[in-house]
Amino acid sequence: MTKSIHSNEYKNVIKRLQEARKEAGFMQSEVAEKLKKPQSYISKIERGERRVDVAELSILAKIYKKSLEYFTK
């Protein structure tokens, strides 16, 4: 059995990112376009293959019109 490098808390952040994007009515490609990144950038974040730092999380929170606290509760 392989161990995840992500804590349960981080998995919750990922889940909240997916929920926020869907609630905002965006497809991954639309968010990526706003960030001037490829769609795979968002996909990798949401699959837990790429860690999101606080600065990126702040930008995503603005796009999704959510507070930073939304992602950490």
N, C-alpha and C. Protein backbone atom coordinates (compact mmCIF):
# COMPACT_ATOMS: atom_id res chain seq x y z
N MET A 1 0.84 -1.17 0.00
CA MET A 1 0.00 0.00 0.00
C MET A 1 0.89 1.24 0.00
N THR A 2 0.61 2.19 -0.89
CA THR A 2 1.40 3.40 -0.94
C THR A 2 0.79 4.45 -0.04
N LYS A 3 1.66 5.26 0.53
CA LYS A 3 1.21 6.34 1.40
C LYS A 3 0.99 7.60 0.57
N SER A 4 -0.05 8.33 0.90
CA SER A 4 -0.29 9.61 0.24
C SER A 4 0.60 10.66 0.88
N ILE A 5 1.12 11.55 0.06
CA ILE A 5 1.93 12.64 0.60
C ILE A 5 1.03 13.77 1.09
N HIS A 6 -0.27 13.65 0.83
CA HIS A 6 -1.21 14.69 1.21
C HIS A 6 -1.94 14.32 2.48
N SER A 7 -2.04 15.28 3.37
CA SER A 7 -2.79 15.06 4.60
C SER A 7 -4.29 15.09 4.31
N ASN A 8 -5.05 14.64 5.27
CA ASN A 8 -6.50 14.72 5.12
C ASN A 8 -6.96 16.16 4.98
N GLU A 9 -6.28 17.08 5.66
CA GLU A 9 -6.61 18.49 5.55
C GLU A 9 -6.41 19.00 4.13
N TYR A 10 -5.31 18.59 3.50
CA TYR A 10 -5.06 19.03 2.13
C TYR A 10 -6.06 18.40 1.16
N LYS A 11 -6.42 17.15 1.41
CA LYS A 11 -7.44 16.51 0.57
C LYS A 11 -8.76 17.28 0.65
N ASN A 12 -9.05 17.82 1.82
CA ASN A 12 -10.25 18.63 1.98
C ASN A 12 -10.16 19.92 1.16
N VAL A 13 -8.98 20.52 1.12
CA VAL A 13 -8.78 21.72 0.31
C VAL A 13 -9.05 21.40 -1.16
N ILE A 14 -8.53 20.29 -1.63
CA ILE A 14 -8.74 19.87 -3.01
C ILE A 14 -10.24 19.67 -3.29
N LYS A 15 -10.92 19.01 -2.37
CA LYS A 15 -12.36 18.79 -2.53
C LYS A 15 -13.10 20.12 -2.60
N ARG A 16 -12.72 21.05 -1.74
CA ARG A 16 -13.35 22.37 -1.74
C ARG A 16 -13.06 23.14 -3.03
N LEU A 17 -11.86 22.98 -3.56
CA LEU A 17 -11.54 23.64 -4.84
C LEU A 17 -12.44 23.13 -5.95
N GLN A 18 -12.64 21.82 -6.00
CA GLN A 18 -13.53 21.24 -7.01
C GLN A 18 -14.95 21.74 -6.84
N GLU A 19 -15.43 21.74 -5.60
CA GLU A 19 -16.79 22.19 -5.32
C GLU A 19 -16.97 23.65 -5.70
N ALA A 20 -16.00 24.49 -5.33
CA ALA A 20 -16.09 25.93 -5.61
C ALA A 20 -16.13 26.18 -7.12
N ARG A 21 -15.31 25.46 -7.87
CA ARG A 21 -15.29 25.63 -9.32
C ARG A 21 -16.65 25.26 -9.91
N LYS A 22 -17.20 24.15 -9.48
CA LYS A 22 -18.49 23.71 -9.99
C LYS A 22 -19.61 24.66 -9.59
N GLU A 23 -19.59 25.12 -8.33
CA GLU A 23 -20.61 26.07 -7.85
C GLU A 23 -20.55 27.37 -8.65
N ALA A 24 -19.34 27.77 -9.04
CA ALA A 24 -19.16 29.00 -9.82
C ALA A 24 -19.55 28.79 -11.29
N GLY A 25 -19.75 27.53 -11.68
CA GLY A 25 -20.18 27.24 -13.04
C GLY A 25 -19.06 27.23 -14.06
N PHE A 26 -17.84 27.00 -13.60
CA PHE A 26 -16.69 26.98 -14.50
C PHE A 26 -16.25 25.56 -14.83
N MET A 27 -15.79 25.40 -16.06
CA MET A 27 -15.09 24.18 -16.44
C MET A 27 -13.62 24.41 -16.13
N GLN A 28 -12.86 23.34 -16.01
CA GLN A 28 -11.42 23.48 -15.73
C GLN A 28 -10.74 24.36 -16.77
N SER A 29 -11.11 24.19 -18.01
CA SER A 29 -10.47 24.97 -19.09
C SER A 29 -10.73 26.46 -18.95
N GLU A 30 -11.90 26.83 -18.44
CA GLU A 30 -12.22 28.25 -18.27
C GLU A 30 -11.38 28.87 -17.15
N VAL A 31 -11.20 28.13 -16.07
CA VAL A 31 -10.37 28.62 -14.97
C VAL A 31 -8.92 28.73 -15.44
N ALA A 32 -8.47 27.73 -16.14
CA ALA A 32 -7.09 27.75 -16.65
C ALA A 32 -6.87 28.94 -17.57
N GLU A 33 -7.84 29.24 -18.39
CA GLU A 33 -7.73 30.39 -19.29
C GLU A 33 -7.58 31.69 -18.50
N LYS A 34 -8.35 31.84 -17.43
CA LYS A 34 -8.26 33.03 -16.58
C LYS A 34 -6.87 33.15 -15.96
N LEU A 35 -6.24 32.02 -15.69
CA LEU A 35 -4.91 32.00 -15.08
C LEU A 35 -3.79 32.00 -16.11
N LYS A 36 -4.18 31.93 -17.38
CA LYS A 36 -3.20 31.83 -18.48
C LYS A 36 -2.30 30.60 -18.30
N LYS A 37 -2.97 29.50 -17.96
CA LYS A 37 -2.30 28.21 -17.78
C LYS A 37 -3.04 27.18 -18.62
N PRO A 38 -2.41 26.03 -18.88
CA PRO A 38 -3.12 24.95 -19.60
C PRO A 38 -4.17 24.31 -18.68
N GLN A 39 -5.17 23.70 -19.28
CA GLN A 39 -6.23 23.02 -18.54
C GLN A 39 -5.65 21.96 -17.61
N SER A 40 -4.57 21.33 -18.03
CA SER A 40 -3.95 20.28 -17.21
C SER A 40 -3.46 20.83 -15.86
N TYR A 41 -3.17 22.11 -15.78
CA TYR A 41 -2.75 22.75 -14.54
C TYR A 41 -3.84 22.59 -13.47
N ILE A 42 -5.08 22.92 -13.84
CA ILE A 42 -6.21 22.81 -12.92
C ILE A 42 -6.51 21.34 -12.63
N SER A 43 -6.46 20.52 -13.67
CA SER A 43 -6.72 19.10 -13.51
C SER A 43 -5.76 18.47 -12.51
N LYS A 44 -4.49 18.80 -12.62
CA LYS A 44 -3.49 18.22 -11.71
C LYS A 44 -3.70 18.69 -10.28
N ILE A 45 -4.10 19.94 -10.10
CA ILE A 45 -4.40 20.44 -8.76
C ILE A 45 -5.55 19.64 -8.18
N GLU A 46 -6.62 19.49 -8.97
CA GLU A 46 -7.82 18.81 -8.48
C GLU A 46 -7.63 17.31 -8.27
N ARG A 47 -6.65 16.72 -8.92
CA ARG A 47 -6.36 15.30 -8.72
C ARG A 47 -5.31 15.09 -7.63
N GLY A 48 -4.77 16.18 -7.10
CA GLY A 48 -3.77 16.07 -6.05
C GLY A 48 -2.38 15.79 -6.57
N GLU A 49 -2.17 15.96 -7.85
CA GLU A 49 -0.84 15.71 -8.44
C GLU A 49 0.04 16.95 -8.40
N ARG A 50 -0.57 18.09 -8.16
CA ARG A 50 0.17 19.35 -8.08
C ARG A 50 -0.34 20.09 -6.85
N ARG A 51 0.57 20.46 -5.98
CA ARG A 51 0.17 21.20 -4.78
C ARG A 51 -0.07 22.66 -5.13
N VAL A 52 -1.07 23.21 -4.49
CA VAL A 52 -1.38 24.62 -4.68
C VAL A 52 -0.82 25.39 -3.49
N ASP A 53 -0.12 26.49 -3.75
CA ASP A 53 0.41 27.26 -2.63
C ASP A 53 -0.59 28.35 -2.24
N VAL A 54 -0.29 29.08 -1.20
CA VAL A 54 -1.22 30.07 -0.66
C VAL A 54 -1.52 31.17 -1.68
N ALA A 55 -0.51 31.61 -2.43
CA ALA A 55 -0.73 32.65 -3.43
C ALA A 55 -1.68 32.17 -4.52
N GLU A 56 -1.50 30.95 -4.98
CA GLU A 56 -2.39 30.38 -6.00
C GLU A 56 -3.80 30.19 -5.44
N LEU A 57 -3.89 29.73 -4.20
CA LEU A 57 -5.18 29.53 -3.57
C LEU A 57 -5.94 30.85 -3.45
N SER A 58 -5.22 31.91 -3.14
CA SER A 58 -5.83 33.23 -3.04
C SER A 58 -6.41 33.68 -4.38
N ILE A 59 -5.69 33.43 -5.45
CA ILE A 59 -6.17 33.79 -6.79
C ILE A 59 -7.40 32.96 -7.15
N LEU A 60 -7.35 31.67 -6.88
CA LEU A 60 -8.50 30.80 -7.16
C LEU A 60 -9.71 31.22 -6.33
N ALA A 61 -9.49 31.60 -5.08
CA ALA A 61 -10.59 32.05 -4.23
C ALA A 61 -11.27 33.27 -4.84
N LYS A 62 -10.50 34.18 -5.39
CA LYS A 62 -11.09 35.38 -6.03
C LYS A 62 -11.89 34.99 -7.27
N ILE A 63 -11.35 34.08 -8.06
CA ILE A 63 -12.06 33.64 -9.27
C ILE A 63 -13.38 32.99 -8.88
N TYR A 64 -13.38 32.17 -7.84
CA TYR A 64 -14.57 31.44 -7.41
C TYR A 64 -15.47 32.26 -6.48
N LYS A 65 -15.00 33.48 -6.14
CA LYS A 65 -15.74 34.37 -5.23
C LYS A 65 -15.99 33.69 -3.87
N LYS A 66 -14.92 33.15 -3.34
CA LYS A 66 -14.96 32.48 -2.04
C LYS A 66 -13.87 33.09 -1.15
N SER A 67 -14.06 32.99 0.16
CA SER A 67 -13.02 33.42 1.09
C SER A 67 -11.97 32.32 1.19
N LEU A 68 -10.79 32.67 1.64
CA LEU A 68 -9.76 31.65 1.86
C LEU A 68 -10.21 30.66 2.93
N GLU A 69 -10.97 31.13 3.89
CA GLU A 69 -11.47 30.26 4.96
C GLU A 69 -12.35 29.14 4.42
N TYR A 70 -13.05 29.39 3.32
CA TYR A 70 -13.91 28.37 2.72
C TYR A 70 -13.10 27.11 2.42
N PHE A 71 -11.87 27.27 2.00
CA PHE A 71 -11.04 26.14 1.59
C PHE A 71 -10.38 25.42 2.76
N THR A 72 -10.38 26.03 3.92
CA THR A 72 -9.68 25.44 5.05
C THR A 72 -10.59 24.99 6.18
N LYS A 73 -11.90 25.11 5.99
CA LYS A 73 -12.80 24.68 7.08
C LYS A 73 -13.11 23.21 7.00
